[in-house]
PDB file of all heavy atoms in Angstrom:
ATOM      1  N   GLY A   1      -9.655  29.567   5.621  1.00  0.00           N
ATOM      2  CA  GLY A   1      -9.930  28.546   4.618  1.00  0.00           C
ATOM      3  C   GLY A   1      -9.435  27.160   5.051  1.00  0.00           C
ATOM      4  O   GLY A   1     -10.174  26.160   4.934  1.00  0.00           O
ATOM      5  N   GLY A   2      -8.210  27.097   5.572  1.00  0.00           N
ATOM      6  CA  GLY A   2      -7.690  25.801   6.037  1.00  0.00           C
ATOM      7  C   GLY A   2      -8.502  25.223   7.169  1.00  0.00           C
ATOM      8  O   GLY A   2      -8.782  24.037   7.216  1.00  0.00           O
ATOM      9  N   ALA A   3      -8.859  26.070   8.127  1.00  0.00           N
ATOM     10  CA  ALA A   3      -9.675  25.612   9.279  1.00  0.00           C
ATOM     11  C   ALA A   3     -11.034  25.109   8.816  1.00  0.00           C
ATOM     12  O   ALA A   3     -11.528  24.090   9.309  1.00  0.00           O
ATOM     13  CB  ALA A   3      -9.847  26.762  10.273  1.00  0.00           C
ATOM     14  N   GLN A   4     -11.654  25.804   7.848  1.00  0.00           N
ATOM     15  CA  GLN A   4     -12.971  25.402   7.381  1.00  0.00           C
ATOM     16  C   GLN A   4     -12.911  24.033   6.713  1.00  0.00           C
ATOM     17  O   GLN A   4     -13.739  23.152   6.998  1.00  0.00           O
ATOM     18  CB  GLN A   4     -13.513  26.428   6.407  1.00  0.00           C
ATOM     19  CG  GLN A   4     -14.952  26.172   5.943  1.00  0.00           C
ATOM     20  CD  GLN A   4     -15.025  25.252   4.763  1.00  0.00           C
ATOM     21  OE1 GLN A   4     -14.141  25.237   3.923  1.00  0.00           O
ATOM     22  NE2 GLN A   4     -16.072  24.437   4.686  1.00  0.00           N
ATOM     23  N   VAL A   5     -11.927  23.820   5.828  1.00  0.00           N
ATOM     24  CA  VAL A   5     -11.854  22.553   5.111  1.00  0.00           C
ATOM     25  C   VAL A   5     -11.565  21.407   6.108  1.00  0.00           C
ATOM     26  O   VAL A   5     -12.202  20.339   6.024  1.00  0.00           O
ATOM     27  CB  VAL A   5     -10.777  22.625   4.031  1.00  0.00           C
ATOM     28  CG1 VAL A   5     -10.511  21.222   3.432  1.00  0.00           C
ATOM     29  CG2 VAL A   5     -11.194  23.573   2.925  1.00  0.00           C
ATOM     30  N   LEU A   6     -10.632  21.604   7.026  1.00  0.00           N
ATOM     31  CA  LEU A   6     -10.254  20.521   7.941  1.00  0.00           C
ATOM     32  C   LEU A   6     -11.389  20.193   8.935  1.00  0.00           C
ATOM     33  O   LEU A   6     -11.755  19.039   9.107  1.00  0.00           O
ATOM     34  CB  LEU A   6      -9.002  20.916   8.711  1.00  0.00           C
ATOM     35  CG  LEU A   6      -7.712  20.962   7.908  1.00  0.00           C
ATOM     36  CD1 LEU A   6      -6.544  21.441   8.745  1.00  0.00           C
ATOM     37  CD2 LEU A   6      -7.390  19.565   7.334  1.00  0.00           C
ATOM     38  N   ILE A   7     -11.984  21.230   9.539  1.00  0.00           N
ATOM     39  CA  ILE A   7     -13.008  20.973  10.567  1.00  0.00           C
ATOM     40  C   ILE A   7     -14.254  20.417   9.902  1.00  0.00           C
ATOM     41  O   ILE A   7     -14.827  19.426  10.374  1.00  0.00           O
ATOM     42  CB  ILE A   7     -13.322  22.275  11.339  1.00  0.00           C
ATOM     43  CG1 ILE A   7     -12.086  22.735  12.117  1.00  0.00           C
ATOM     44  CG2 ILE A   7     -14.481  22.055  12.309  1.00  0.00           C
ATOM     45  CD1 ILE A   7     -12.253  24.084  12.777  1.00  0.00           C
ATOM     46  N   SER A   8     -14.699  21.054   8.806  1.00  0.00           N
ATOM     47  CA  SER A   8     -15.891  20.556   8.100  1.00  0.00           C
ATOM     48  C   SER A   8     -15.634  19.148   7.573  1.00  0.00           C
ATOM     49  O   SER A   8     -16.540  18.282   7.655  1.00  0.00           O
ATOM     50  CB  SER A   8     -16.287  21.481   6.984  1.00  0.00           C
ATOM     51  OG  SER A   8     -16.614  22.764   7.425  1.00  0.00           O
ATOM     52  N   GLY A   9     -14.457  18.930   7.011  1.00  0.00           N
ATOM     53  CA  GLY A   9     -14.166  17.602   6.455  1.00  0.00           C
ATOM     54  C   GLY A   9     -14.201  16.508   7.502  1.00  0.00           C
ATOM     55  O   GLY A   9     -14.763  15.428   7.290  1.00  0.00           O
ATOM     56  N   LEU A  10     -13.581  16.779   8.672  1.00  0.00           N
ATOM     57  CA  LEU A  10     -13.589  15.772   9.731  1.00  0.00           C
ATOM     58  C   LEU A  10     -15.017  15.524  10.253  1.00  0.00           C
ATOM     59  O   LEU A  10     -15.394  14.387  10.481  1.00  0.00           O
ATOM     60  CB  LEU A  10     -12.694  16.241  10.880  1.00  0.00           C
ATOM     61  CG  LEU A  10     -11.187  16.226  10.580  1.00  0.00           C
ATOM     62  CD1 LEU A  10     -10.412  16.822  11.742  1.00  0.00           C
ATOM     63  CD2 LEU A  10     -10.711  14.799  10.331  1.00  0.00           C
ATOM     64  N   ALA A  11     -15.806  16.595  10.423  1.00  0.00           N
ATOM     65  CA  ALA A  11     -17.155  16.447  10.943  1.00  0.00           C
ATOM     66  C   ALA A  11     -18.028  15.667   9.963  1.00  0.00           C
ATOM     67  O   ALA A  11     -18.760  14.732  10.355  1.00  0.00           O
ATOM     68  CB  ALA A  11     -17.751  17.807  11.230  1.00  0.00           C
ATOM     69  N   ILE A  12     -17.974  16.019   8.664  1.00  0.00           N
ATOM     70  CA  ILE A  12     -18.798  15.313   7.684  1.00  0.00           C
ATOM     71  C   ILE A  12     -18.319  13.890   7.520  1.00  0.00           C
ATOM     72  O   ILE A  12     -19.113  12.956   7.392  1.00  0.00           O
ATOM     73  CB  ILE A  12     -18.745  16.060   6.331  1.00  0.00           C
ATOM     74  CG1 ILE A  12     -19.358  17.469   6.484  1.00  0.00           C
ATOM     75  CG2 ILE A  12     -19.491  15.285   5.250  1.00  0.00           C
ATOM     76  CD1 ILE A  12     -19.136  18.352   5.266  1.00  0.00           C
ATOM     77  N   GLY A  13     -17.006  13.667   7.534  1.00  0.00           N
ATOM     78  CA  GLY A  13     -16.466  12.314   7.459  1.00  0.00           C
ATOM     79  C   GLY A  13     -16.902  11.438   8.628  1.00  0.00           C
ATOM     80  O   GLY A  13     -17.213  10.272   8.462  1.00  0.00           O
ATOM     81  N   PHE A  14     -16.950  12.025   9.805  1.00  0.00           N
ATOM     82  CA  PHE A  14     -17.425  11.267  10.998  1.00  0.00           C
ATOM     83  C   PHE A  14     -18.875  10.853  10.838  1.00  0.00           C
ATOM     84  O   PHE A  14     -19.269   9.749  11.142  1.00  0.00           O
ATOM     85  CB  PHE A  14     -17.244  12.137  12.238  1.00  0.00           C
ATOM     86  CG  PHE A  14     -17.751  11.477  13.492  1.00  0.00           C
ATOM     87  CD1 PHE A  14     -16.981  10.511  14.173  1.00  0.00           C
ATOM     88  CD2 PHE A  14     -19.011  11.808  14.010  1.00  0.00           C
ATOM     89  CE1 PHE A  14     -17.439   9.900  15.334  1.00  0.00           C
ATOM     90  CE2 PHE A  14     -19.472  11.212  15.185  1.00  0.00           C
ATOM     91  CZ  PHE A  14     -18.695  10.240  15.843  1.00  0.00           C
ATOM     92  N   VAL A  15     -19.709  11.778  10.320  1.00  0.00           N
ATOM     93  CA  VAL A  15     -21.130  11.481  10.094  1.00  0.00           C
ATOM     94  C   VAL A  15     -21.250  10.378   9.042  1.00  0.00           C
ATOM     95  O   VAL A  15     -22.044   9.439   9.186  1.00  0.00           O
ATOM     96  CB  VAL A  15     -21.895  12.729   9.658  1.00  0.00           C
ATOM     97  CG1 VAL A  15     -23.320  12.384   9.248  1.00  0.00           C
ATOM     98  CG2 VAL A  15     -21.904  13.741  10.794  1.00  0.00           C
ATOM     99  N   ALA A  16     -20.459  10.461   7.948  1.00  0.00           N
ATOM    100  CA  ALA A  16     -20.513   9.438   6.909  1.00  0.00           C
ATOM    101  C   ALA A  16     -20.107   8.083   7.458  1.00  0.00           C
ATOM    102  O   ALA A  16     -20.723   7.045   7.101  1.00  0.00           O
ATOM    103  CB  ALA A  16     -19.614   9.849   5.752  1.00  0.00           C
ATOM    104  N   HIS A  17     -19.083   8.047   8.298  1.00  0.00           N
ATOM    105  CA  HIS A  17     -18.648   6.775   8.871  1.00  0.00           C
ATOM    106  C   HIS A  17     -19.692   6.204   9.828  1.00  0.00           C
ATOM    107  O   HIS A  17     -19.826   4.957   9.944  1.00  0.00           O
ATOM    108  CB  HIS A  17     -17.306   6.980   9.623  1.00  0.00           C
ATOM    109  CG  HIS A  17     -16.657   5.716  10.065  1.00  0.00           C
ATOM    110  ND1 HIS A  17     -16.267   4.726   9.182  1.00  0.00           N
ATOM    111  CD2 HIS A  17     -16.337   5.258  11.307  1.00  0.00           C
ATOM    112  CE1 HIS A  17     -15.713   3.739   9.852  1.00  0.00           C
ATOM    113  NE2 HIS A  17     -15.742   4.034  11.138  1.00  0.00           N
ATOM    114  N   ALA A  18     -20.433   7.074  10.482  1.00  0.00           N
ATOM    115  CA  ALA A  18     -21.490   6.637  11.395  1.00  0.00           C
ATOM    116  C   ALA A  18     -22.603   5.922  10.644  1.00  0.00           C
ATOM    117  O   ALA A  18     -23.360   5.159  11.245  1.00  0.00           O
ATOM    118  CB  ALA A  18     -22.032   7.801  12.191  1.00  0.00           C
ATOM    119  N   PHE A  19     -22.721   6.163   9.313  1.00  0.00           N
ATOM    120  CA  PHE A  19     -23.721   5.508   8.505  1.00  0.00           C
ATOM    121  C   PHE A  19     -23.140   4.285   7.807  1.00  0.00           C
ATOM    122  O   PHE A  19     -23.578   3.929   6.705  1.00  0.00           O
ATOM    123  CB  PHE A  19     -24.294   6.484   7.462  1.00  0.00           C
ATOM    124  CG  PHE A  19     -25.354   7.404   8.028  1.00  0.00           C
ATOM    125  CD1 PHE A  19     -25.004   8.562   8.689  1.00  0.00           C
ATOM    126  CD2 PHE A  19     -26.701   7.071   7.937  1.00  0.00           C
ATOM    127  CE1 PHE A  19     -25.971   9.424   9.189  1.00  0.00           C
ATOM    128  CE2 PHE A  19     -27.675   7.905   8.425  1.00  0.00           C
ATOM    129  CZ  PHE A  19     -27.326   9.102   9.080  1.00  0.00           C
ATOM    130  N   ASP A  20     -22.159   3.651   8.428  1.00  0.00           N
ATOM    131  CA  ASP A  20     -21.596   2.364   8.000  1.00  0.00           C
ATOM    132  C   ASP A  20     -20.828   2.444   6.682  1.00  0.00           C
ATOM    133  O   ASP A  20     -20.685   1.414   5.967  1.00  0.00           O
ATOM    134  CB  ASP A  20     -22.724   1.292   7.847  1.00  0.00           C
ATOM    135  CG  ASP A  20     -23.349   0.988   9.189  1.00  0.00           C
ATOM    136  OD1 ASP A  20     -22.632   1.066  10.216  1.00  0.00           O
ATOM    137  OD2 ASP A  20     -24.546   0.685   9.218  1.00  0.00           O
ATOM    138  N   ASN A  21     -20.291   3.591   6.328  1.00  0.00           N
ATOM    139  CA  ASN A  21     -19.346   3.674   5.205  1.00  0.00           C
ATOM    140  C   ASN A  21     -17.945   3.408   5.704  1.00  0.00           C
ATOM    141  O   ASN A  21     -17.596   3.749   6.845  1.00  0.00           O
ATOM    142  CB  ASN A  21     -19.421   5.066   4.573  1.00  0.00           C
ATOM    143  CG  ASN A  21     -20.762   5.334   3.946  1.00  0.00           C
ATOM    144  OD1 ASN A  21     -21.165   4.641   2.996  1.00  0.00           O
ATOM    145  ND2 ASN A  21     -21.489   6.347   4.410  1.00  0.00           N
ATOM    146  N   ASP A  22     -17.103   2.785   4.852  1.00  0.00           N
ATOM    147  CA  ASP A  22     -15.730   2.504   5.289  1.00  0.00           C
ATOM    148  C   ASP A  22     -14.943   3.805   5.419  1.00  0.00           C
ATOM    149  O   ASP A  22     -15.366   4.849   4.896  1.00  0.00           O
ATOM    150  CB  ASP A  22     -15.023   1.548   4.326  1.00  0.00           C
ATOM    151  CG  ASP A  22     -14.857   2.142   2.950  1.00  0.00           C
ATOM    152  OD1 ASP A  22     -13.926   2.957   2.750  1.00  0.00           O
ATOM    153  OD2 ASP A  22     -15.676   1.864   2.061  1.00  0.00           O
ATOM    154  N   TRP A  23     -13.857   3.757   6.121  1.00  0.00           N
ATOM    155  CA  TRP A  23     -13.138   5.016   6.464  1.00  0.00           C
ATOM    156  C   TRP A  23     -12.587   5.730   5.234  1.00  0.00           C
ATOM    157  O   TRP A  23     -12.494   6.947   5.214  1.00  0.00           O
ATOM    158  CB  TRP A  23     -12.006   4.710   7.454  1.00  0.00           C
ATOM    159  CG  TRP A  23     -10.853   3.948   6.890  1.00  0.00           C
ATOM    160  CD1 TRP A  23     -10.655   2.621   6.854  1.00  0.00           C
ATOM    161  CD2 TRP A  23      -9.697   4.532   6.281  1.00  0.00           C
ATOM    162  NE1 TRP A  23      -9.460   2.302   6.246  1.00  0.00           N
ATOM    163  CE2 TRP A  23      -8.840   3.449   5.897  1.00  0.00           C
ATOM    164  CE3 TRP A  23      -9.261   5.835   6.032  1.00  0.00           C
ATOM    165  CZ2 TRP A  23      -7.617   3.667   5.250  1.00  0.00           C
ATOM    166  CZ3 TRP A  23      -8.056   6.034   5.394  1.00  0.00           C
ATOM    167  CH2 TRP A  23      -7.242   4.973   5.013  1.00  0.00           C
ATOM    168  N   LYS A  24     -12.239   4.991   4.187  1.00  0.00           N
ATOM    169  CA  LYS A  24     -11.720   5.617   2.977  1.00  0.00           C
ATOM    170  C   LYS A  24     -12.787   6.471   2.295  1.00  0.00           C
ATOM    171  O   LYS A  24     -12.566   7.641   1.953  1.00  0.00           O
ATOM    172  CB  LYS A  24     -11.172   4.567   1.999  1.00  0.00           C
ATOM    173  CG  LYS A  24      -9.955   3.821   2.521  1.00  0.00           C
ATOM    174  CD  LYS A  24      -9.502   2.805   1.483  1.00  0.00           C
ATOM    175  CE  LYS A  24      -8.280   2.030   1.956  1.00  0.00           C
ATOM    176  NZ  LYS A  24      -7.845   1.024   0.951  1.00  0.00           N
ATOM    177  N   ALA A  25     -13.953   5.844   2.057  1.00  0.00           N
ATOM    178  CA  ALA A  25     -15.042   6.588   1.442  1.00  0.00           C
ATOM    179  C   ALA A  25     -15.501   7.723   2.310  1.00  0.00           C
ATOM    180  O   ALA A  25     -15.792   8.834   1.827  1.00  0.00           O
ATOM    181  CB  ALA A  25     -16.217   5.652   1.138  1.00  0.00           C
ATOM    182  N   SER A  26     -15.481   7.526   3.642  1.00  0.00           N
ATOM    183  CA  SER A  26     -15.918   8.584   4.567  1.00  0.00           C
ATOM    184  C   SER A  26     -14.944   9.767   4.523  1.00  0.00           C
ATOM    185  O   SER A  26     -15.389  10.925   4.552  1.00  0.00           O
ATOM    186  CB  SER A  26     -16.007   8.013   5.999  1.00  0.00           C
ATOM    187  OG  SER A  26     -16.946   6.982   6.086  1.00  0.00           O
ATOM    188  N   LEU A  27     -13.669   9.448   4.437  1.00  0.00           N
ATOM    189  CA  LEU A  27     -12.675  10.519   4.389  1.00  0.00           C
ATOM    190  C   LEU A  27     -12.832  11.377   3.134  1.00  0.00           C
ATOM    191  O   LEU A  27     -12.821  12.606   3.144  1.00  0.00           O
ATOM    192  CB  LEU A  27     -11.279   9.923   4.442  1.00  0.00           C
ATOM    193  CG  LEU A  27     -10.089  10.909   4.336  1.00  0.00           C
ATOM    194  CD1 LEU A  27     -10.136  11.923   5.480  1.00  0.00           C
ATOM    195  CD2 LEU A  27      -8.780  10.168   4.310  1.00  0.00           C
ATOM    196  N   VAL A  28     -12.996  10.655   1.987  1.00  0.00           N
ATOM    197  CA  VAL A  28     -13.160  11.405   0.724  1.00  0.00           C
ATOM    198  C   VAL A  28     -14.471  12.214   0.729  1.00  0.00           C
ATOM    199  O   VAL A  28     -14.502  13.404   0.313  1.00  0.00           O
ATOM    200  CB  VAL A  28     -13.149  10.424  -0.465  1.00  0.00           C
ATOM    201  CG1 VAL A  28     -13.535  11.132  -1.766  1.00  0.00           C
ATOM    202  CG2 VAL A  28     -11.781   9.779  -0.597  1.00  0.00           C
ATOM    203  N   LEU A  29     -15.545  11.608   1.219  1.00  0.00           N
ATOM    204  CA  LEU A  29     -16.820  12.318   1.296  1.00  0.00           C
ATOM    205  C   LEU A  29     -16.718  13.535   2.203  1.00  0.00           C
ATOM    206  O   LEU A  29     -17.250  14.624   1.883  1.00  0.00           O
ATOM    207  CB  LEU A  29     -17.918  11.408   1.802  1.00  0.00           C
ATOM    208  CG  LEU A  29     -18.569  10.442   0.777  1.00  0.00           C
ATOM    209  CD1 LEU A  29     -19.579   9.541   1.469  1.00  0.00           C
ATOM    210  CD2 LEU A  29     -19.215  11.243  -0.338  1.00  0.00           C
ATOM    211  N   GLY A  30     -16.041  13.375   3.338  1.00  0.00           N
ATOM    212  CA  GLY A  30     -15.925  14.519   4.257  1.00  0.00           C
ATOM    213  C   GLY A  30     -15.202  15.703   3.604  1.00  0.00           C
ATOM    214  O   GLY A  30     -15.632  16.844   3.709  1.00  0.00           O
ATOM    215  N   LEU A  31     -14.092  15.405   2.934  1.00  0.00           N
ATOM    216  CA  LEU A  31     -13.296  16.475   2.341  1.00  0.00           C
ATOM    217  C   LEU A  31     -13.975  17.091   1.120  1.00  0.00           C
ATOM    218  O   LEU A  31     -13.958  18.307   0.962  1.00  0.00           O
ATOM    219  CB  LEU A  31     -11.918  15.933   1.968  1.00  0.00           C
ATOM    220  CG  LEU A  31     -10.993  15.568   3.130  1.00  0.00           C
ATOM    221  CD1 LEU A  31      -9.726  14.915   2.649  1.00  0.00           C
ATOM    222  CD2 LEU A  31     -10.694  16.788   3.973  1.00  0.00           C
ATOM    223  N   VAL A  32     -14.620  16.272   0.282  1.00  0.00           N
ATOM    224  CA  VAL A  32     -15.239  16.808  -0.922  1.00  0.00           C
ATOM    225  C   VAL A  32     -16.499  17.615  -0.582  1.00  0.00           C
ATOM    226  O   VAL A  32     -16.772  18.644  -1.206  1.00  0.00           O
ATOM    227  CB  VAL A  32     -15.537  15.697  -1.941  1.00  0.00           C
ATOM    228  CG1 VAL A  32     -16.739  14.857  -1.518  1.00  0.00           C
ATOM    229  CG2 VAL A  32     -15.850  16.291  -3.312  1.00  0.00           C
ATOM    230  N   LEU A  33     -17.233  17.164   0.437  1.00  0.00           N
ATOM    231  CA  LEU A  33     -18.441  17.931   0.796  1.00  0.00           C
ATOM    232  C   LEU A  33     -18.101  19.143   1.627  1.00  0.00           C
ATOM    233  O   LEU A  33     -18.943  20.043   1.823  1.00  0.00           O
ATOM    234  CB  LEU A  33     -19.397  17.023   1.585  1.00  0.00           C
ATOM    235  CG  LEU A  33     -20.039  15.893   0.768  1.00  0.00           C
ATOM    236  CD1 LEU A  33     -20.967  15.087   1.628  1.00  0.00           C
ATOM    237  CD2 LEU A  33     -20.791  16.437  -0.454  1.00  0.00           C
ATOM    238  N   ALA A  34     -16.851  19.239   2.119  1.00  0.00           N
ATOM    239  CA  ALA A  34     -16.441  20.441   2.819  1.00  0.00           C
ATOM    240  C   ALA A  34     -16.240  21.615   1.861  1.00  0.00           C
ATOM    241  O   ALA A  34     -16.268  22.786   2.265  1.00  0.00           O
ATOM    242  CB  ALA A  34     -15.148  20.185   3.578  1.00  0.00           C
ATOM    243  N   LEU A  35     -16.081  21.274   0.552  1.00  0.00           N
ATOM    244  CA  LEU A  35     -15.899  22.325  -0.439  1.00  0.00           C
ATOM    245  C   LEU A  35     -17.257  22.923  -0.828  1.00  0.00           C
ATOM    246  O   LEU A  35     -18.283  22.245  -0.834  1.00  0.00           O
ATOM    247  CB  LEU A  35     -15.223  21.743  -1.698  1.00  0.00           C
ATOM    248  CG  LEU A  35     -13.929  20.954  -1.471  1.00  0.00           C
ATOM    249  CD1 LEU A  35     -13.341  20.533  -2.837  1.00  0.00           C
ATOM    250  CD2 LEU A  35     -12.958  21.763  -0.684  1.00  0.00           C
ATOM    251  N   SER A  36     -17.252  24.207  -1.150  1.00  0.00           N
ATOM    252  CA  SER A  36     -18.477  24.917  -1.535  1.00  0.00           C
ATOM    253  C   SER A  36     -18.397  25.274  -3.025  1.00  0.00           C
ATOM    254  O   SER A  36     -17.373  25.048  -3.678  1.00  0.00           O
ATOM    255  CB  SER A  36     -18.643  26.160  -0.692  1.00  0.00           C
ATOM    256  OG  SER A  36     -18.600  25.865   0.680  1.00  0.00           O
ATOM    257  N   SER A  37     -19.457  25.842  -3.544  1.00  0.00           N
ATOM    258  CA  SER A  37     -19.534  26.179  -4.953  1.00  0.00           C
ATOM    259  C   SER A  37     -19.005  27.596  -5.205  1.00  0.00           C
ATOM    260  O   SER A  37     -19.675  28.574  -4.862  1.00  0.00           O
ATOM    261  CB  SER A  37     -20.970  26.058  -5.460  1.00  0.00           C
ATOM    262  OG  SER A  37     -21.076  26.520  -6.788  1.00  0.00           O
ATOM    263  N   THR A  38     -17.833  27.677  -5.789  1.00  0.00           N
ATOM    264  CA  THR A  38     -17.272  29.021  -6.124  1.00  0.00           C
ATOM    265  C   THR A  38     -18.183  29.757  -7.115  1.00  0.00           C
ATOM    266  O   THR A  38     -18.434  30.942  -6.956  1.00  0.00           O
ATOM    267  CB  THR A  38     -15.873  28.829  -6.735  1.00  0.00           C
ATOM    268  OG1 THR A  38     -15.027  28.173  -5.803  1.00  0.00           O
ATOM    269  CG2 THR A  38     -15.274  30.175  -7.124  1.00  0.00           C
ATOM    270  N   ALA A  39     -18.682  29.015  -8.090  1.00  0.00           N
ATOM    271  CA  ALA A  39     -19.509  29.671  -9.118  1.00  0.00           C
ATOM    272  C   ALA A  39     -20.774  30.278  -8.516  1.00  0.00           C
ATOM    273  O   ALA A  39     -21.109  31.449  -8.805  1.00  0.00           O
ATOM    274  CB  ALA A  39     -19.891  28.637 -10.204  1.00  0.00           C
TER     275      ALA A  39
END
């Protein structure tokens, strides 16, 4: 679980930053999109 959140979060955050988002928004987007739907 820890590896999935960290690796997915960093990868998604890097993609978000590549689309000209600032690092703060990219970091939050990376981590929140790393989460899946429990329900």
